[in-house]
Amino acid sequence: MRRITSLLKSREHKKIFFNIQNLFFFQGTNFIVPLITIPYIVRVIGPEKFGILSFAEALNYYFVLITDYGFNITGTQQISIERDNPHNRNNIFASIFSVKLLLMVGCAVLLLLLILSFPTIRENSIIYFLYFLIVPGNILLSYWFFLGMEEMHYLNYPNLISKIGYTLFIFLFLREESDFYLVPLFFGSFMVLGGSVSCAIIFKKFGIEWKTPSLREVRNSMKNGWSIFISTFAINLYRRSNVFILGLVAPNAAVGFYSAGEKIIKALQSAFEPITQAFYPFVARKKQISILQALRPIAYLIKWLGGGTLIIALVMVLFARPLTILALGEKFLPAVAVLRIAAFVISIGVLNYIIGIIFMTNFDFKKEFSQRVILTGLVNVFVCFVLSYFWEEVGASISFLFAEAFLLMLLVTFSMRRREAWSSPNEI
């Protein structure tokens, strides 16, 4: 307790706690909104239509990943280092934003080709087009910029606008099963609105002036983000691909059962993201001063977040059935198995972020982290296909847990083997 009090007295630590507080508020809305809207949505449209929406959403989140291009990590790091240099900060923003826009155009073309090529996708093409709105919405939001500036409280305004607007419109206009197309319409539209407000704040509050970046700046941004892009894309081969893979081999209802359970798990995971994300730029700056000062907060996170999330996972296992009935209704009882199996993903996923992102990327192991994530992603694709084919939503859940545990094993093994490379004998 005395140690925590002393931390709070430091101006620098006050700043990080302030950012954590605002990230909690930001993620709190992301956590609460699904808990409010999903029970209503699934009861109105049923498992099958919910499965169609989940499959379309999973496909479009690949486009979000492509346009993110690892900038949530590398962009945050660059802005954090140059946050007191307006000229360099301006150049970083312009080059990263330009790359994102170019990638979005490519994604739009790819989506059109997929719709024209696959009858099952073309049958619900309007759903896929509407969900594509999350791509420009995410680009405009520019989460990475606020995180790098350590000024996360500004994101609360656009986030509240998008989440409150979406929630109100769902309850006002979603009335029957045939209205299921309204879910992606409202979700995407309010993301674009919130993102527009976010962009306005960036230009007005932080003095960003648009300038067309040079080809060299664009190329450098793409080069800097490449390894993290591959890593984050591979991460999502097991964190987001299971819904998509399940949709290829199982009925829409099974996709709905799995997706509903997975959303509850991810909503709980998001409650801890403010802490890990706020510590990333903090550790990046501390690493420039001292290895020991960077390692201390990492050890603290592993001890307390790891233990706390493990307790939550055990509670989830014990109360999965009443929670499913309360949140999703009797029609979604197959999701009980999903919750019980995937509950430990909450704890293991947090540890993977701390070791993989906060530790390895800040200690110049981006390439090694990327390699292990790619391996995990590829293994998960194979495992998920096989298990989903035989056991549908249960198989996808087992694959989800297996992939997180497999990655944790790889990251811990690497860190221990390379201890001499990241520790300092003079400081530790």
Protein backbone atom coordinates (compact mmCIF):
# COMPACT_ATOMS: atom_id res chain seq x y z
CA MET A 1 0.00 0.00 0.00
CA ARG A 2 2.86 2.36 0.88
CA ARG A 3 4.49 1.59 -2.45
CA ILE A 4 1.31 2.44 -4.36
CA THR A 5 0.96 5.71 -2.41
CA SER A 6 4.53 6.70 -3.28
CA LEU A 7 3.86 5.95 -6.93
CA LEU A 8 0.81 8.20 -6.95
CA LYS A 9 2.88 11.12 -5.58
CA SER A 10 5.16 11.12 -8.63
CA ARG A 11 4.04 13.46 -11.42
CA GLU A 12 5.03 10.92 -14.05
CA HIS A 13 3.14 8.13 -12.32
CA LYS A 14 0.15 10.41 -11.84
CA LYS A 15 0.16 10.82 -15.62
CA ILE A 16 0.11 7.10 -16.31
CA PHE A 17 -2.65 6.53 -13.74
CA PHE A 18 -4.62 9.35 -15.35
CA ASN A 19 -4.21 7.66 -18.74
CA ILE A 20 -5.25 4.31 -17.27
CA GLN A 21 -8.32 5.96 -15.82
CA ASN A 22 -9.29 7.41 -19.19
CA LEU A 23 -8.54 4.17 -20.97
CA PHE A 24 -10.81 2.43 -18.49
CA PHE A 25 -13.54 4.88 -19.37
CA PHE A 26 -12.88 4.38 -23.09
CA GLN A 27 -12.81 0.59 -22.83
CA GLY A 28 -15.63 0.66 -20.30
CA THR A 29 -18.02 1.85 -22.98
CA ASN A 30 -16.68 -0.85 -25.31
CA PHE A 31 -17.27 -3.34 -22.50
CA ILE A 32 -20.72 -2.15 -21.45
CA VAL A 33 -22.28 -1.60 -24.89
CA PRO A 34 -22.02 -5.26 -26.00
CA LEU A 35 -23.38 -6.37 -22.63
CA ILE A 36 -26.38 -4.10 -23.18
CA THR A 37 -27.01 -4.60 -26.89
CA ILE A 38 -26.09 -8.26 -27.56
CA PRO A 39 -28.76 -9.74 -25.23
CA TYR A 40 -31.38 -7.67 -27.05
CA ILE A 41 -30.00 -8.32 -30.55
CA VAL A 42 -29.74 -12.10 -30.19
CA ARG A 43 -33.25 -12.34 -28.79
CA VAL A 44 -34.69 -10.34 -31.72
CA ILE A 45 -32.81 -11.90 -34.65
CA GLY A 46 -31.96 -15.41 -33.32
CA PRO A 47 -28.82 -17.59 -33.66
CA GLU A 48 -28.89 -17.99 -37.45
CA LYS A 49 -29.07 -14.30 -38.36
CA PHE A 50 -26.60 -13.51 -35.60
CA GLY A 51 -24.26 -16.04 -37.21
CA ILE A 52 -24.56 -14.27 -40.59
CA LEU A 53 -23.71 -10.93 -38.97
CA SER A 54 -20.79 -12.44 -37.05
CA PHE A 55 -19.30 -13.96 -40.20
CA ALA A 56 -19.57 -10.66 -42.11
CA GLU A 57 -18.10 -8.74 -39.18
CA ALA A 58 -15.19 -11.19 -38.93
CA LEU A 59 -14.38 -10.73 -42.63
CA ASN A 60 -14.42 -6.94 -42.41
CA TYR A 61 -12.22 -6.95 -39.32
CA TYR A 62 -9.51 -8.40 -41.53
CA PHE A 63 -9.70 -5.13 -43.46
CA VAL A 64 -9.45 -3.20 -40.19
CA LEU A 65 -6.29 -5.18 -39.40
CA ILE A 66 -4.84 -4.46 -42.81
CA THR A 67 -5.46 -0.72 -42.50
CA ASP A 68 -4.14 -0.69 -38.92
CA TYR A 69 -0.90 -2.09 -40.39
CA GLY A 70 0.74 -2.37 -36.98
CA PHE A 71 0.52 1.39 -36.40
CA ASN A 72 -1.29 0.90 -33.09
CA ILE A 73 2.14 -0.24 -31.91
CA THR A 74 4.74 1.46 -34.14
CA GLY A 75 2.74 4.66 -34.59
CA THR A 76 2.18 4.89 -30.84
CA GLN A 77 5.89 4.37 -30.25
CA GLN A 78 6.91 7.04 -32.81
CA ILE A 79 4.44 9.63 -31.52
CA SER A 80 5.48 8.89 -27.92
CA ILE A 81 9.12 9.64 -28.73
CA GLU A 82 8.37 12.75 -30.86
CA ARG A 83 5.37 14.11 -28.95
CA ASP A 84 7.24 17.31 -27.98
CA ASN A 85 8.42 17.94 -31.55
CA PRO A 86 5.46 19.38 -33.53
CA HIS A 87 7.19 19.16 -36.91
CA ASN A 88 8.14 15.48 -36.62
CA ARG A 89 4.81 14.67 -35.01
CA ASN A 90 3.00 16.24 -37.95
CA ASN A 91 5.06 14.27 -40.46
CA ILE A 92 4.43 10.99 -38.65
CA PHE A 93 0.68 11.59 -38.58
CA ALA A 94 0.49 12.52 -42.26
CA SER A 95 2.52 9.57 -43.50
CA ILE A 96 0.69 7.00 -41.36
CA PHE A 97 -2.74 8.39 -42.21
CA SER A 98 -1.89 8.34 -45.93
CA VAL A 99 -0.78 4.70 -45.77
CA LYS A 100 -4.04 3.81 -44.03
CA LEU A 101 -6.11 5.52 -46.76
CA LEU A 102 -4.23 3.71 -49.52
CA LEU A 103 -4.73 0.38 -47.79
CA MET A 104 -8.45 1.11 -47.36
CA VAL A 105 -8.88 1.57 -51.11
CA GLY A 106 -7.18 -1.78 -51.68
CA CYS A 107 -9.45 -3.43 -49.10
CA ALA A 108 -12.57 -2.00 -50.78
CA VAL A 109 -11.49 -3.51 -54.09
CA LEU A 110 -10.79 -6.85 -52.41
CA LEU A 111 -14.22 -6.90 -50.76
CA LEU A 112 -15.90 -6.23 -54.10
CA LEU A 113 -13.98 -9.11 -55.69
CA LEU A 114 -14.99 -11.46 -52.86
CA ILE A 115 -18.66 -10.52 -53.24
CA LEU A 116 -18.52 -11.10 -56.99
CA SER A 117 -16.67 -14.41 -56.58
CA PHE A 118 -18.62 -16.20 -53.82
CA PRO A 119 -22.41 -16.70 -54.04
CA THR A 120 -22.78 -17.20 -50.26
CA ILE A 121 -21.22 -13.77 -49.65
CA ARG A 122 -23.08 -12.16 -52.57
CA GLU A 123 -26.38 -13.37 -51.11
CA ASN A 124 -25.91 -10.99 -48.16
CA SER A 125 -23.72 -8.41 -49.92
CA ILE A 126 -25.47 -5.46 -48.29
CA ILE A 127 -24.39 -6.76 -44.85
CA TYR A 128 -20.75 -6.92 -45.94
CA PHE A 129 -20.83 -3.43 -47.48
CA LEU A 130 -22.42 -1.97 -44.35
CA TYR A 131 -19.86 -3.60 -42.06
CA PHE A 132 -17.11 -2.11 -44.24
CA LEU A 133 -17.96 1.27 -42.67
CA ILE A 134 -15.95 0.18 -39.63
CA VAL A 135 -12.78 0.52 -41.75
CA PRO A 136 -12.94 4.30 -42.40
CA GLY A 137 -14.41 4.75 -38.91
CA ASN A 138 -11.36 3.08 -37.35
CA ILE A 139 -8.94 5.06 -39.52
CA LEU A 140 -10.52 8.38 -38.56
CA LEU A 141 -10.49 7.47 -34.87
CA SER A 142 -6.65 7.46 -34.86
CA TYR A 143 -6.42 5.65 -31.54
CA TRP A 144 -2.66 5.25 -31.95
CA PHE A 145 -2.11 9.03 -32.00
CA PHE A 146 -3.87 9.70 -28.69
CA LEU A 147 -2.16 6.72 -27.07
CA GLY A 148 1.27 7.96 -28.18
CA MET A 149 0.53 11.47 -26.93
CA GLU A 150 -0.70 9.93 -23.65
CA GLU A 151 -3.83 12.09 -23.93
CA MET A 152 -6.45 9.35 -24.02
CA HIS A 153 -9.17 11.45 -22.39
CA TYR A 154 -9.84 13.17 -25.72
CA LEU A 155 -10.99 9.84 -27.19
CA ASN A 156 -13.83 9.59 -24.70
CA TYR A 157 -15.92 12.14 -26.59
CA PRO A 158 -16.01 10.46 -30.01
CA ASN A 159 -16.28 7.05 -28.39
CA LEU A 160 -19.30 8.09 -26.34
CA ILE A 161 -20.95 9.59 -29.41
CA SER A 162 -20.55 6.40 -31.45
CA LYS A 163 -21.45 3.94 -28.68
CA ILE A 164 -24.44 5.84 -27.26
CA GLY A 165 -25.80 6.58 -30.72
CA TYR A 166 -25.47 2.95 -31.80
CA THR A 167 -27.12 1.66 -28.61
CA LEU A 168 -30.08 4.06 -28.83
CA PHE A 169 -30.72 3.31 -32.51
CA ILE A 170 -30.60 -0.45 -31.92
CA PHE A 171 -33.27 -0.28 -29.24
CA LEU A 172 -35.39 2.20 -31.20
CA PHE A 173 -35.39 0.59 -34.63
CA LEU A 174 -34.43 -3.12 -34.37
CA ARG A 175 -37.82 -4.80 -33.96
CA GLU A 176 -37.89 -8.10 -35.86
CA GLU A 177 -35.63 -10.70 -37.45
CA SER A 178 -35.77 -9.12 -40.91
CA ASP A 179 -34.28 -5.90 -39.48
CA PHE A 180 -30.92 -7.60 -38.84
CA TYR A 181 -29.23 -5.44 -41.53
CA LEU A 182 -29.71 -2.43 -39.21
CA VAL A 183 -27.05 -3.77 -36.84
CA PRO A 184 -24.09 -3.20 -39.21
CA LEU A 185 -25.70 -0.01 -40.57
CA PHE A 186 -25.89 1.64 -37.16
CA PHE A 187 -22.60 0.19 -35.94
CA GLY A 188 -20.61 1.36 -38.96
CA SER A 189 -22.32 4.73 -39.35
CA PHE A 190 -21.76 5.78 -35.76
CA MET A 191 -18.14 4.61 -35.94
CA VAL A 192 -17.61 6.98 -38.88
CA LEU A 193 -19.31 9.80 -36.97
CA GLY A 194 -17.19 9.21 -33.87
CA GLY A 195 -14.05 8.94 -35.98
CA SER A 196 -14.82 12.28 -37.65
CA VAL A 197 -15.09 13.95 -34.23
CA SER A 198 -11.78 12.34 -33.23
CA CYS A 199 -10.05 13.68 -36.34
CA ALA A 200 -11.40 17.18 -35.67
CA ILE A 201 -9.92 17.06 -32.16
CA ILE A 202 -6.51 16.01 -33.53
CA PHE A 203 -6.35 18.88 -36.00
CA LYS A 204 -7.72 21.53 -33.62
CA LYS A 205 -6.24 20.55 -30.25
CA PHE A 206 -2.83 19.23 -31.31
CA GLY A 207 -2.20 21.62 -34.16
CA ILE A 208 -1.81 18.94 -36.80
CA GLU A 209 -1.72 20.46 -40.28
CA TRP A 210 -2.32 18.22 -43.25
CA LYS A 211 0.55 17.89 -45.67
CA THR A 212 1.01 15.39 -48.44
CA PRO A 213 3.82 13.08 -47.34
CA SER A 214 6.67 12.25 -49.66
CA LEU A 215 7.01 8.82 -51.20
CA ARG A 216 10.00 8.24 -48.94
CA GLU A 217 7.97 9.01 -45.80
CA VAL A 218 5.20 6.66 -46.89
CA ARG A 219 7.72 3.94 -47.65
CA ASN A 220 9.42 4.40 -44.27
CA SER A 221 6.08 4.18 -42.45
CA MET A 222 5.23 0.95 -44.23
CA LYS A 223 8.67 -0.43 -43.48
CA ASN A 224 8.42 0.46 -39.77
CA GLY A 225 5.00 -1.11 -39.44
CA TRP A 226 5.63 -4.27 -41.45
CA SER A 227 6.89 -6.66 -38.77
CA ILE A 228 4.22 -5.62 -36.26
CA PHE A 229 1.57 -5.79 -38.99
CA ILE A 230 2.55 -9.39 -39.71
CA SER A 231 2.49 -10.13 -35.98
CA THR A 232 -0.89 -8.53 -35.31
CA PHE A 233 -2.37 -10.08 -38.43
CA ALA A 234 -1.08 -13.46 -37.32
CA ILE A 235 -2.41 -12.85 -33.80
CA ASN A 236 -5.83 -12.42 -35.34
CA LEU A 237 -5.47 -15.68 -37.23
CA TYR A 238 -6.38 -17.16 -33.86
CA ARG A 239 -8.12 -14.28 -32.09
CA ARG A 240 -10.59 -13.31 -34.82
CA SER A 241 -10.35 -16.04 -37.46
CA ASN A 242 -12.22 -18.72 -35.56
CA VAL A 243 -15.60 -17.13 -36.33
CA PHE A 244 -14.66 -16.93 -40.00
CA ILE A 245 -13.27 -20.48 -40.16
CA LEU A 246 -16.28 -21.85 -38.29
CA GLY A 247 -18.55 -20.13 -40.79
CA LEU A 248 -16.87 -22.02 -43.63
CA VAL A 249 -17.50 -25.49 -42.17
CA ALA A 250 -20.48 -25.18 -39.81
CA PRO A 251 -24.10 -23.91 -39.92
CA ASN A 252 -24.89 -20.25 -39.23
CA ALA A 253 -26.45 -21.18 -35.87
CA ALA A 254 -23.16 -22.72 -34.67
CA VAL A 255 -21.37 -19.52 -35.72
CA GLY A 256 -23.93 -17.57 -33.70
CA PHE A 257 -23.40 -19.72 -30.59
CA TYR A 258 -19.62 -19.43 -30.75
CA SER A 259 -19.58 -15.74 -31.65
CA ALA A 260 -21.93 -14.84 -28.78
CA GLY A 261 -19.73 -16.66 -26.24
CA GLU A 262 -16.55 -15.24 -27.73
CA LYS A 263 -17.92 -11.70 -27.53
CA ILE A 264 -18.52 -12.11 -23.79
CA ILE A 265 -14.93 -13.34 -23.31
CA LYS A 266 -13.52 -10.46 -25.37
CA ALA A 267 -15.69 -7.93 -23.56
CA LEU A 268 -14.15 -9.12 -20.27
CA GLN A 269 -10.67 -9.01 -21.80
CA SER A 270 -11.22 -5.42 -22.89
CA ALA A 271 -11.66 -4.42 -19.25
CA PHE A 272 -7.91 -4.96 -18.75
CA GLU A 273 -6.69 -3.38 -21.99
CA PRO A 274 -6.52 0.15 -20.51
CA ILE A 275 -3.80 -0.95 -18.09
CA THR A 276 -1.65 -2.80 -20.62
CA GLN A 277 -2.06 -0.16 -23.33
CA ALA A 278 -1.25 2.72 -21.02
CA PHE A 279 1.93 0.98 -19.89
CA TYR A 280 3.22 0.46 -23.45
CA PRO A 281 4.40 4.04 -24.17
CA PHE A 282 5.44 4.37 -20.51
CA VAL A 283 7.78 1.36 -20.79
CA ALA A 284 9.02 2.62 -24.19
CA ARG A 285 10.18 5.87 -22.58
CA LYS A 286 11.63 4.15 -19.51
CA LYS A 287 13.66 1.84 -21.73
CA GLN A 288 15.49 4.92 -23.08
CA ILE A 289 16.58 5.72 -19.50
CA SER A 290 17.24 2.36 -17.86
CA ILE A 291 16.58 -1.32 -18.46
CA LEU A 292 15.66 -1.80 -14.82
CA GLN A 293 13.11 1.02 -14.89
CA ALA A 294 11.46 -0.63 -17.90
CA LEU A 295 11.44 -4.13 -16.42
CA ARG A 296 9.88 -3.22 -13.07
CA PRO A 297 6.43 -2.25 -14.41
CA ILE A 298 6.44 -5.33 -16.66
CA ALA A 299 7.03 -7.62 -13.68
CA TYR A 300 4.32 -5.77 -11.75
CA LEU A 301 1.80 -6.30 -14.57
CA ILE A 302 2.59 -10.01 -14.87
CA LYS A 303 2.13 -10.57 -11.14
CA TRP A 304 -1.07 -8.62 -10.53
CA LEU A 305 -2.90 -8.76 -13.84
CA GLY A 306 -1.98 -12.39 -14.38
CA GLY A 307 -3.34 -13.37 -10.97
CA GLY A 308 -6.43 -11.18 -11.17
CA THR A 309 -7.52 -12.43 -14.57
CA LEU A 310 -6.99 -16.05 -13.50
CA ILE A 311 -9.51 -15.57 -10.69
CA ILE A 312 -12.01 -14.09 -13.15
CA ALA A 313 -11.53 -17.06 -15.47
CA LEU A 314 -12.30 -19.51 -12.66
CA VAL A 315 -15.47 -17.58 -11.78
CA MET A 316 -16.51 -17.71 -15.44
CA VAL A 317 -16.16 -21.49 -15.48
CA LEU A 318 -18.32 -21.87 -12.38
CA PHE A 319 -21.09 -19.50 -13.46
CA ALA A 320 -21.09 -20.00 -17.24
CA ARG A 321 -24.64 -21.42 -17.43
CA PRO A 322 -26.52 -18.73 -15.45
CA LEU A 323 -24.45 -16.04 -17.18
CA THR A 324 -25.38 -17.43 -20.62
CA ILE A 325 -29.08 -17.59 -19.78
CA LEU A 326 -29.00 -14.07 -18.37
CA ALA A 327 -27.03 -12.53 -21.24
CA LEU A 328 -28.19 -14.52 -24.25
CA GLY A 329 -31.34 -16.44 -23.38
CA GLU A 330 -32.36 -20.11 -23.50
CA LYS A 331 -31.85 -20.34 -27.28
CA PHE A 332 -28.11 -19.84 -26.79
CA LEU A 333 -27.45 -22.57 -24.20
CA PRO A 334 -24.82 -24.21 -26.50
CA ALA A 335 -22.71 -21.11 -25.77
CA VAL A 336 -22.22 -22.37 -22.18
CA ALA A 337 -19.54 -24.78 -23.40
CA VAL A 338 -17.87 -21.93 -25.31
CA LEU A 339 -17.62 -19.81 -22.15
CA ARG A 340 -16.28 -22.64 -19.98
CA ILE A 341 -13.59 -23.63 -22.47
CA ALA A 342 -12.50 -20.14 -23.51
CA ALA A 343 -12.64 -18.54 -20.04
CA PHE A 344 -8.90 -18.96 -19.48
CA VAL A 345 -8.21 -17.00 -22.67
CA ILE A 346 -8.87 -13.89 -20.55
CA SER A 347 -5.81 -14.57 -18.36
CA ILE A 348 -3.50 -16.10 -20.96
CA GLY A 349 -4.27 -13.35 -23.48
CA VAL A 350 -3.31 -10.63 -21.00
CA LEU A 351 0.01 -12.37 -20.30
CA ASN A 352 0.69 -12.70 -24.02
CA TYR A 353 0.17 -8.96 -24.48
CA ILE A 354 2.45 -8.06 -21.58
CA ILE A 355 5.28 -10.39 -22.64
CA GLY A 356 4.86 -10.08 -26.40
CA ILE A 357 3.93 -6.44 -26.95
CA ILE A 358 5.06 -4.49 -23.89
CA PHE A 359 8.25 -6.47 -23.27
CA MET A 360 9.46 -7.97 -26.56
CA THR A 361 8.66 -5.06 -28.90
CA ASN A 362 10.18 -2.51 -26.51
CA PHE A 363 13.30 -4.65 -26.04
CA ASP A 364 13.96 -4.97 -29.78
CA PHE A 365 12.55 -8.47 -30.22
CA LYS A 366 9.87 -7.46 -32.73
CA LYS A 367 11.08 -9.94 -35.32
CA GLU A 368 11.21 -12.83 -32.84
CA PHE A 369 7.77 -11.95 -31.51
CA SER A 370 6.42 -11.79 -35.06
CA GLN A 371 7.85 -15.22 -35.91
CA ARG A 372 6.20 -16.88 -32.93
CA VAL A 373 2.87 -15.21 -33.54
CA ILE A 374 2.92 -16.24 -37.20
CA LEU A 375 3.62 -19.83 -36.19
CA THR A 376 0.77 -19.72 -33.67
CA GLY A 377 -1.62 -18.24 -36.22
CA LEU A 378 -0.83 -20.88 -38.83
CA VAL A 379 -1.16 -23.69 -36.30
CA ASN A 380 -4.50 -22.29 -35.17
CA VAL A 381 -5.90 -22.14 -38.71
CA PHE A 382 -5.21 -25.85 -39.15
CA VAL A 383 -6.41 -26.83 -35.66
CA CYS A 384 -9.56 -24.70 -35.92
CA PHE A 385 -10.51 -26.12 -39.31
CA VAL A 386 -10.20 -29.68 -38.03
CA LEU A 387 -11.86 -29.19 -34.65
CA SER A 388 -14.65 -26.97 -36.03
CA TYR A 389 -15.46 -29.51 -38.71
CA PHE A 390 -16.00 -32.25 -36.13
CA TRP A 391 -17.26 -30.33 -33.07
CA GLU A 392 -18.46 -27.00 -34.48
CA GLU A 393 -18.59 -24.23 -31.80
CA VAL A 394 -16.96 -26.47 -29.17
CA GLY A 395 -14.08 -27.25 -31.50
CA ALA A 396 -13.57 -23.55 -32.27
CA SER A 397 -13.48 -22.81 -28.54
CA ILE A 398 -10.84 -25.49 -27.90
CA SER A 399 -8.77 -24.06 -30.75
CA PHE A 400 -9.09 -20.54 -29.30
CA LEU A 401 -7.73 -21.65 -25.91
CA PHE A 402 -5.04 -23.88 -27.42
CA ALA A 403 -3.63 -21.06 -29.56
CA GLU A 404 -3.30 -18.63 -26.65
CA ALA A 405 -1.61 -21.27 -24.48
CA PHE A 406 0.71 -22.31 -27.33
CA LEU A 407 1.82 -18.71 -27.90
CA LEU A 408 2.44 -18.13 -24.19
CA MET A 409 4.66 -21.20 -24.09
CA LEU A 410 6.67 -19.91 -27.07
CA LEU A 411 7.09 -16.40 -25.63
CA VAL A 412 8.11 -17.53 -22.15
CA THR A 413 10.57 -20.08 -23.54
CA PHE A 414 12.20 -17.46 -25.79
CA SER A 415 12.42 -14.86 -23.01
CA MET A 416 14.13 -17.26 -20.65
CA ARG A 417 16.59 -18.49 -23.26
CA ARG A 418 17.56 -14.95 -24.25
CA ARG A 419 17.75 -13.48 -20.75
CA GLU A 420 21.35 -12.36 -21.21
CA ALA A 421 20.35 -10.29 -24.25
CA TRP A 422 17.71 -8.19 -22.46
CA SER A 423 18.93 -8.06 -18.86
CA SER A 424 21.69 -5.80 -17.62
CA PRO A 425 24.15 -7.32 -15.11
CA ASN A 426 24.89 -3.84 -13.82
CA GLU A 427 21.25 -3.10 -13.03
CA ILE A 428 19.60 -6.43 -12.17
